């Protein structure tokens, strides 16, 4: 079963790359030498891992009615490895920024405007789709109290921070509409708000207002997201930001031997542990993998290829929207009872057919929502400062 699962995942990945290739001419990929190219190329694979993870969960959910990790170890860890490495990427990129800015200081306003425009527009779009699905499913049922609906919606719009992802208008398991992916975003926001305090801890200087903002956010909800082992994944990314500054390590990272080590460690993580989240050793091995990739290893050039970096641009869209696509297909387009009766092989072909659709949708949302929002960072930052922007900085 595990081998068949691996072969299916590999085939699905090839289809995703081929689909990305066909739309890549319409999507520009940055060749900025100061960017971490291998990390750019890694992101798309991680988001697609999460899609495969939830696709497998849906297969068993339709048959059993239980939304839980699938009995196939590889597919459990596809999702957990994907999210774990996403957290490391966040820790790495922003701690690198702090290390580089210890003498010059951090433009906190620009940083938070950038984070807002990077995460919020697409998230709100995905919420609009989620609310629309709720309306379609519950339109013939007696509506809940308006105040209750507004309260539930507001909790979702606040990235489910502190208050989780409640049911809306009496729709049980509303969170399944987007496959519960919103759970990871409060961890991201918590880390962003911790940055001024982290900068102070490494000798940087910040204004009092940002230190107070950081302290207030840590007091308000930091304990909810720094009490479990997941915060170590951000720390792992921060550790990588330090070791990649060592020239001998960078030289080793780019070697073929390093590529082989990465592949062996990933195989061990995927098949050797029932759950990455529950194993300190598995997380440690992933940190080692990430350090080598952050140091410049592209796994025999894979992560440096244009198609990989293009799929990396689609990662956030893919992460937020794949669950909605699956839900719509299984609950609105096709009858759940019909899908639940098909064989595993036919279900695999169904997911393979959905893959190009997902890539195409994500190409549209990146072009129409994500990229235009990111281009406004400088303009909005200058506007908030009361200055006139002379150029758009990416």
Protein backbone atom coordinates (compact mmCIF):
# COMPACT_ATOMS: atom_id res chain seq x y z
CA UNK A 1 0.00 0.00 0.00
CA UNK A 2 2.84 2.39 0.88
CA UNK A 3 4.62 1.72 -2.42
CA UNK A 4 1.45 2.29 -4.43
CA UNK A 5 0.92 5.51 -2.51
CA UNK A 6 4.44 6.70 -3.31
CA UNK A 7 3.98 5.93 -7.01
CA UNK A 8 0.67 7.83 -7.06
CA UNK A 9 2.23 10.83 -5.28
CA UNK A 10 5.13 10.84 -7.74
CA UNK A 11 2.77 10.73 -10.74
CA UNK A 12 0.59 13.49 -9.28
CA UNK A 13 3.69 15.63 -8.76
CA UNK A 14 4.71 15.17 -12.38
CA UNK A 15 1.26 16.26 -13.54
CA UNK A 16 1.43 19.30 -11.25
CA UNK A 17 4.83 20.27 -12.68
CA UNK A 18 3.62 19.75 -16.24
CA UNK A 19 0.54 21.87 -15.55
CA UNK A 20 2.72 24.58 -14.02
CA UNK A 21 4.97 24.50 -17.06
CA UNK A 22 2.04 25.29 -19.36
CA UNK A 23 1.11 28.42 -17.39
CA UNK A 24 4.67 29.48 -16.47
CA UNK A 25 5.00 31.76 -19.51
CA UNK A 26 2.28 33.98 -18.02
CA UNK A 27 3.87 34.07 -14.57
CA UNK A 28 7.13 35.91 -14.00
CA UNK A 29 9.60 34.29 -11.61
CA UNK A 30 12.08 36.47 -9.77
CA UNK A 31 15.76 35.88 -10.54
CA UNK A 32 16.86 38.23 -7.77
CA UNK A 33 20.33 37.07 -6.74
CA UNK A 34 19.60 38.04 -3.14
CA UNK A 35 16.69 35.65 -2.87
CA UNK A 36 17.10 32.11 -1.61
CA UNK A 37 16.41 30.33 -4.90
CA UNK A 38 16.31 26.80 -3.54
CA UNK A 39 13.71 27.78 -0.94
CA UNK A 40 11.63 29.45 -3.64
CA UNK A 41 11.72 26.17 -5.54
CA UNK A 42 10.85 24.12 -2.46
CA UNK A 43 7.59 25.86 -1.54
CA UNK A 44 5.41 24.54 -4.33
CA UNK A 45 6.27 20.95 -3.50
CA UNK A 46 5.36 21.52 0.16
CA UNK A 47 1.95 22.97 -0.70
CA UNK A 48 1.29 20.10 -3.10
CA UNK A 49 2.27 17.63 -0.36
CA UNK A 50 -0.52 19.09 1.78
CA UNK A 51 -2.97 18.70 -1.12
CA UNK A 52 -2.06 15.02 -1.45
CA UNK A 53 -2.34 14.58 2.32
CA UNK A 54 -5.88 15.95 2.39
CA UNK A 55 -6.85 14.07 -0.75
CA UNK A 56 -6.02 10.84 1.05
CA UNK A 57 -7.89 11.94 4.18
CA UNK A 58 -10.97 12.67 2.05
CA UNK A 59 -10.89 9.17 0.56
CA UNK A 60 -11.20 7.54 3.97
CA UNK A 61 -13.52 10.25 5.32
CA UNK A 62 -16.04 9.53 2.56
CA UNK A 63 -16.00 5.86 3.50
CA UNK A 64 -15.90 6.11 7.30
CA UNK A 65 -17.17 9.59 8.20
CA UNK A 66 -14.08 10.13 10.36
CA UNK A 67 -11.79 13.08 9.55
CA UNK A 68 -8.45 11.83 10.81
CA UNK A 69 -4.98 10.94 9.58
CA UNK A 70 -5.10 8.20 6.93
CA UNK A 71 -3.75 4.72 7.66
CA UNK A 72 -1.02 5.22 5.04
CA UNK A 73 2.09 6.58 6.76
CA UNK A 74 3.50 8.31 3.69
CA UNK A 75 0.35 10.41 3.27
CA UNK A 76 0.27 11.32 6.95
CA UNK A 77 3.78 12.70 6.70
CA UNK A 78 3.27 14.40 3.35
CA UNK A 79 1.07 16.94 5.10
CA UNK A 80 3.13 17.17 8.27
CA UNK A 81 6.43 17.52 6.43
CA UNK A 82 4.90 20.20 4.23
CA UNK A 83 3.69 22.34 7.13
CA UNK A 84 6.84 21.70 9.19
CA UNK A 85 9.10 22.96 6.42
CA UNK A 86 6.81 25.94 5.82
CA UNK A 87 7.33 26.93 9.47
CA UNK A 88 11.08 26.52 9.06
CA UNK A 89 11.03 28.71 5.96
CA UNK A 90 9.31 31.45 7.95
CA UNK A 91 11.81 31.18 10.79
CA UNK A 92 14.73 31.16 8.37
CA UNK A 93 13.71 34.10 6.18
CA UNK A 94 12.73 36.48 8.94
CA UNK A 95 15.54 35.62 11.31
CA UNK A 96 17.94 36.13 8.39
CA UNK A 97 16.41 39.58 7.94
CA UNK A 98 16.95 40.34 11.62
CA UNK A 99 20.57 39.17 11.51
CA UNK A 100 21.23 41.34 8.46
CA UNK A 101 19.60 44.37 10.11
CA UNK A 102 21.25 44.42 13.52
CA UNK A 103 23.27 47.52 12.64
CA UNK A 104 20.89 49.30 10.27
CA UNK A 105 17.64 48.47 12.06
CA UNK A 106 14.40 46.96 10.77
CA UNK A 107 11.70 48.89 8.96
CA UNK A 108 8.90 47.37 11.04
CA UNK A 109 6.12 49.29 9.35
CA UNK A 110 7.14 48.01 5.93
CA UNK A 111 7.57 44.49 7.29
CA UNK A 112 4.07 44.36 8.74
CA UNK A 113 2.50 46.01 5.70
CA UNK A 114 4.27 43.38 3.60
CA UNK A 115 2.94 40.56 5.79
CA UNK A 116 -0.57 42.00 5.72
CA UNK A 117 -0.63 42.29 1.94
CA UNK A 118 0.99 38.88 1.53
CA UNK A 119 -1.45 36.97 3.68
CA UNK A 120 -4.71 38.88 4.06
CA UNK A 121 -6.08 39.52 0.51
CA UNK A 122 -5.92 35.89 -0.59
CA UNK A 123 -7.07 34.67 2.81
CA UNK A 124 -10.13 36.93 2.66
CA UNK A 125 -10.81 35.68 -0.88
CA UNK A 126 -10.68 32.10 0.38
CA UNK A 127 -13.01 33.09 3.22
CA UNK A 128 -15.44 34.53 0.67
CA UNK A 129 -15.47 31.17 -1.09
CA UNK A 130 -15.94 29.35 2.21
CA UNK A 131 -18.87 31.60 3.19
CA UNK A 132 -20.41 31.09 -0.25
CA UNK A 133 -20.23 27.31 0.13
CA UNK A 134 -21.86 27.60 3.57
CA UNK A 135 -24.67 29.70 2.08
CA UNK A 136 -25.27 27.22 -0.76
CA UNK A 137 -25.43 24.24 1.58
CA UNK A 138 -27.57 25.87 4.29
CA UNK A 139 -29.82 28.09 2.16
CA UNK A 140 -32.86 25.83 2.61
CA UNK A 141 -32.39 25.44 6.36
CA UNK A 142 -33.67 27.77 9.10
CA UNK A 143 -30.96 30.41 9.57
CA UNK A 144 -29.15 30.84 12.86
CA UNK A 145 -29.30 34.09 14.82
CA UNK A 146 -27.69 36.93 12.83
CA UNK A 147 -25.46 37.88 15.75
CA UNK A 148 -24.25 34.28 16.00
CA UNK A 149 -23.45 34.15 12.27
CA UNK A 150 -21.57 37.47 12.42
CA UNK A 151 -19.58 36.31 15.44
CA UNK A 152 -18.64 33.03 13.75
CA UNK A 153 -17.60 34.81 10.55
CA UNK A 154 -15.50 37.34 12.48
CA UNK A 155 -13.59 34.53 14.18
CA UNK A 156 -12.75 33.05 10.79
CA UNK A 157 -11.73 36.45 9.38
CA UNK A 158 -9.38 36.96 12.32
CA UNK A 159 -7.35 33.99 11.05
CA UNK A 160 -8.95 31.77 13.73
CA UNK A 161 -6.50 33.26 16.25
CA UNK A 162 -7.55 32.37 19.84
CA UNK A 163 -11.11 31.42 18.89
CA UNK A 164 -10.60 28.61 16.40
CA UNK A 165 -12.77 27.85 13.38
CA UNK A 166 -16.41 27.61 14.55
CA UNK A 167 -19.31 26.23 12.56
CA UNK A 168 -21.23 28.85 10.56
CA UNK A 169 -25.02 28.96 10.34
CA UNK A 170 -25.33 25.51 11.87
CA UNK A 171 -23.21 23.76 9.23
CA UNK A 172 -21.45 20.98 11.11
CA UNK A 173 -17.74 20.71 10.47
CA UNK A 174 -17.53 23.98 8.57
CA UNK A 175 -13.75 23.75 8.88
CA UNK A 176 -13.72 20.81 6.46
CA UNK A 177 -14.60 23.21 3.62
CA UNK A 178 -10.97 24.33 3.51
CA UNK A 179 -9.58 21.14 5.06
CA UNK A 180 -8.82 23.02 8.30
CA UNK A 181 -5.71 24.61 6.79
CA UNK A 182 -6.30 27.87 8.70
CA UNK A 183 -4.93 26.25 11.87
CA UNK A 184 -1.32 26.93 10.85
CA UNK A 185 -1.74 30.65 10.13
CA UNK A 186 -1.98 31.77 13.80
CA UNK A 187 1.45 30.20 14.30
CA UNK A 188 2.79 32.33 11.46
CA UNK A 189 1.24 35.52 12.84
CA UNK A 190 2.51 34.74 16.35
CA UNK A 191 6.04 34.45 15.02
CA UNK A 192 5.72 37.71 13.08
CA UNK A 193 4.57 39.56 16.18
CA UNK A 194 7.40 38.03 18.22
CA UNK A 195 10.04 39.44 15.85
CA UNK A 196 10.65 42.79 17.65
CA UNK A 197 11.35 40.93 20.90
CA UNK A 198 13.57 38.43 19.07
CA UNK A 199 15.43 41.35 17.45
CA UNK A 200 15.99 42.88 20.88
CA UNK A 201 17.33 39.55 22.15
CA UNK A 202 20.04 39.45 19.46
CA UNK A 203 21.19 42.99 20.10
CA UNK A 204 18.98 44.94 17.68
CA UNK A 205 17.18 48.15 18.56
CA UNK A 206 13.48 48.72 18.02
CA UNK A 207 11.15 51.57 18.89
CA UNK A 208 9.14 51.23 22.05
CA UNK A 209 5.83 51.03 20.19
CA UNK A 210 6.82 47.91 18.29
CA UNK A 211 8.29 46.29 21.39
CA UNK A 212 5.04 47.01 23.23
CA UNK A 213 3.02 45.62 20.30
CA UNK A 214 5.15 42.49 20.34
CA UNK A 215 4.86 42.07 24.12
CA UNK A 216 1.09 42.67 24.04
CA UNK A 217 0.55 40.07 21.30
CA UNK A 218 2.72 37.54 23.09
CA UNK A 219 0.74 38.10 26.26
CA UNK A 220 -2.59 37.98 24.42
CA UNK A 221 -2.18 34.81 22.38
CA UNK A 222 1.48 33.81 22.27
CA UNK A 223 1.03 31.18 24.96
CA UNK A 224 -1.53 29.41 22.76
CA UNK A 225 1.00 28.81 20.02
CA UNK A 226 4.32 28.56 21.87
CA UNK A 227 3.30 25.87 24.34
CA UNK A 228 3.74 22.83 22.09
CA UNK A 229 6.57 21.37 20.09
CA UNK A 230 5.67 23.12 16.85
CA UNK A 231 7.50 26.33 17.80
CA UNK A 232 10.73 24.35 17.61
CA UNK A 233 10.20 24.21 13.86
CA UNK A 234 10.56 28.01 13.69
CA UNK A 235 13.64 27.70 15.88
CA UNK A 236 14.98 25.12 13.43
CA UNK A 237 14.61 27.65 10.63
CA UNK A 238 16.39 30.27 12.76
CA UNK A 239 19.21 27.80 13.36
CA UNK A 240 19.49 27.30 9.60
CA UNK A 241 19.83 31.08 9.16
CA UNK A 242 22.94 30.92 11.31
CA UNK A 243 24.66 27.85 9.85
CA UNK A 244 24.21 28.91 6.22
CA UNK A 245 26.48 31.86 6.96
CA UNK A 246 29.36 29.45 7.40
CA UNK A 247 31.19 29.12 4.09
CA UNK A 248 32.32 25.48 4.64
CA UNK A 249 28.70 24.50 5.32
CA UNK A 250 27.45 26.32 2.22
CA UNK A 251 30.09 24.58 0.10
CA UNK A 252 29.07 21.18 1.46
CA UNK A 253 25.36 21.96 1.03
CA UNK A 254 25.80 22.42 -2.71
CA UNK A 255 27.56 19.09 -3.21
CA UNK A 256 26.06 15.94 -4.74
CA UNK A 257 26.77 14.13 -1.49
CA UNK A 258 24.48 16.59 0.25
CA UNK A 259 21.69 15.85 -2.25
CA UNK A 260 21.97 12.14 -1.52
CA UNK A 261 21.87 12.80 2.23
CA UNK A 262 18.72 14.89 1.84
CA UNK A 263 16.95 12.18 -0.14
CA UNK A 264 17.93 9.47 2.36
CA UNK A 265 16.79 11.57 5.32
CA UNK A 266 13.46 12.36 3.64
CA UNK A 267 12.85 8.69 2.88
CA UNK A 268 13.58 7.88 6.52
CA UNK A 269 11.19 10.57 7.76
CA UNK A 270 8.37 9.61 5.40
CA UNK A 271 8.42 5.87 6.06
CA UNK A 272 10.18 5.60 9.42
CA UNK A 273 7.84 7.65 11.62
CA UNK A 274 4.06 7.40 12.10
CA UNK A 275 3.86 11.16 12.72
CA UNK A 276 6.44 13.91 12.30
CA UNK A 277 4.68 16.16 14.82
CA UNK A 278 4.95 13.54 17.54
CA UNK A 279 8.63 12.71 17.06
CA UNK A 280 11.49 14.98 18.15
CA UNK A 281 13.89 12.87 16.09
CA UNK A 282 11.82 13.28 12.92
CA UNK A 283 11.70 17.05 13.41
CA UNK A 284 15.46 17.11 14.01
CA UNK A 285 16.05 15.21 10.77
CA UNK A 286 13.84 17.69 8.93
CA UNK A 287 15.86 20.57 10.36
CA UNK A 288 19.00 18.93 8.96
CA UNK A 289 17.31 18.58 5.56
CA UNK A 290 16.19 22.18 5.62
CA UNK A 291 19.62 23.49 6.59
CA UNK A 292 21.15 21.81 3.55
CA UNK A 293 18.45 23.17 1.21
CA UNK A 294 18.73 26.66 2.69
CA UNK A 295 22.49 26.40 2.23
CA UNK A 296 21.96 26.10 -1.51
CA UNK A 297 21.23 22.45 -2.23
CA UNK A 298 18.72 22.11 -5.06
CA UNK A 299 18.54 18.27 -5.14
CA UNK A 300 20.37 17.87 -8.44
CA UNK A 301 19.03 21.18 -9.77
CA UNK A 302 15.34 20.43 -9.15
CA UNK A 303 14.61 23.43 -6.90
CA UNK A 304 16.45 25.86 -9.17
CA UNK A 305 14.41 24.98 -12.24
CA UNK A 306 11.99 27.61 -13.49
CA UNK A 307 8.98 25.31 -13.26
CA UNK A 308 9.74 24.53 -9.59
CA UNK A 309 10.14 28.21 -8.75
CA UNK A 310 6.95 29.02 -10.62
CA UNK A 311 5.06 26.41 -8.63
CA UNK A 312 6.62 27.95 -5.56
CA UNK A 313 4.89 31.22 -6.43
CA UNK A 314 1.58 29.33 -6.33
CA UNK A 315 2.25 27.76 -2.93
CA UNK A 316 0.08 30.05 -0.78
CA UNK A 317 -2.85 29.82 -3.19
CA UNK A 318 -2.44 26.06 -3.38
CA UNK A 319 -2.33 25.78 0.39
CA UNK A 320 -5.45 27.87 1.01
CA UNK A 321 -7.61 26.76 -1.92
CA UNK A 322 -7.01 23.03 -2.41
CA UNK A 323 -9.33 22.10 0.45
CA UNK A 324 -12.15 24.20 -0.98
CA UNK A 325 -11.71 22.54 -4.37
CA UNK A 326 -11.89 19.09 -2.82
CA UNK A 327 -14.95 19.97 -0.74
CA UNK A 328 -16.81 21.48 -3.69
CA UNK A 329 -16.08 18.45 -5.84
CA UNK A 330 -17.12 15.93 -3.20
CA UNK A 331 -20.10 17.78 -1.70
CA UNK A 332 -21.53 19.96 -4.48
CA UNK A 333 -20.43 18.70 -7.89
CA UNK A 334 -20.50 14.96 -7.23
CA UNK A 335 -22.54 13.11 -4.65
CA UNK A 336 -20.50 11.96 -1.66
CA UNK A 337 -22.15 8.53 -1.75
CA UNK A 338 -21.06 8.05 -5.36
CA UNK A 339 -17.43 9.00 -4.67
CA UNK A 340 -17.33 6.87 -1.51
CA UNK A 341 -18.17 3.75 -3.51
CA UNK A 342 -15.40 4.00 -6.10
CA UNK A 343 -12.21 2.00 -5.79
CA UNK A 344 -8.94 3.44 -4.55
CA UNK A 345 -7.52 3.24 -8.08
CA UNK A 346 -10.39 5.23 -9.61
CA UNK A 347 -10.12 7.74 -6.78
CA UNK A 348 -6.43 8.21 -7.57
CA UNK A 349 -7.29 8.98 -11.20
CA UNK A 350 -9.91 11.44 -9.98
CA UNK A 351 -7.29 13.31 -7.92
CA UNK A 352 -4.88 13.26 -10.86
CA UNK A 353 -7.59 14.89 -12.98
CA UNK A 354 -8.13 17.57 -10.32
CA UNK A 355 -4.44 18.47 -10.20
CA UNK A 356 -4.30 20.61 -13.39
CA UNK A 357 -7.52 22.35 -12.30
CA UNK A 358 -5.93 23.25 -8.97
CA UNK A 359 -2.78 24.56 -10.65
CA UNK A 360 -4.78 26.66 -13.11
CA UNK A 361 -6.93 28.17 -10.32
CA UNK A 362 -3.83 28.99 -8.29
CA UNK A 363 -2.22 30.62 -11.31
CA UNK A 364 -5.25 32.90 -11.60
CA UNK A 365 -5.38 33.83 -7.93
CA UNK A 366 -1.64 34.53 -7.85
CA UNK A 367 -1.88 36.77 -10.92
CA UNK A 368 -5.08 38.57 -9.92
CA UNK A 369 -4.83 38.76 -6.12
CA UNK A 370 -1.44 37.90 -4.64
CA UNK A 371 0.96 39.63 -7.01
CA UNK A 372 -1.01 42.90 -7.33
CA UNK A 373 -1.24 43.12 -3.54
CA UNK A 374 2.49 42.52 -3.06
CA UNK A 375 3.30 45.27 -5.56
CA UNK A 376 1.56 47.81 -3.34
CA UNK A 377 3.80 47.32 -0.29
CA UNK A 378 5.95 50.41 -0.89
CA UNK A 379 3.01 52.61 -1.88
CA UNK A 380 0.94 51.74 1.18
CA UNK A 381 3.95 51.94 3.52
CA UNK A 382 4.75 55.45 2.29
CA UNK A 383 1.08 56.42 2.51
CA UNK A 384 0.93 55.33 6.15
CA UNK A 385 4.02 57.42 6.82
CA UNK A 386 2.46 60.36 5.05
CA UNK A 387 5.09 60.25 2.32
CA UNK A 388 4.72 60.24 -1.46
CA UNK A 389 6.00 57.00 -2.99
CA UNK A 390 8.20 57.48 -6.04
CA UNK A 391 8.46 53.84 -7.02
CA UNK A 392 6.99 50.44 -6.39
CA UNK A 393 9.37 48.10 -4.61
CA UNK A 394 8.87 44.39 -4.69
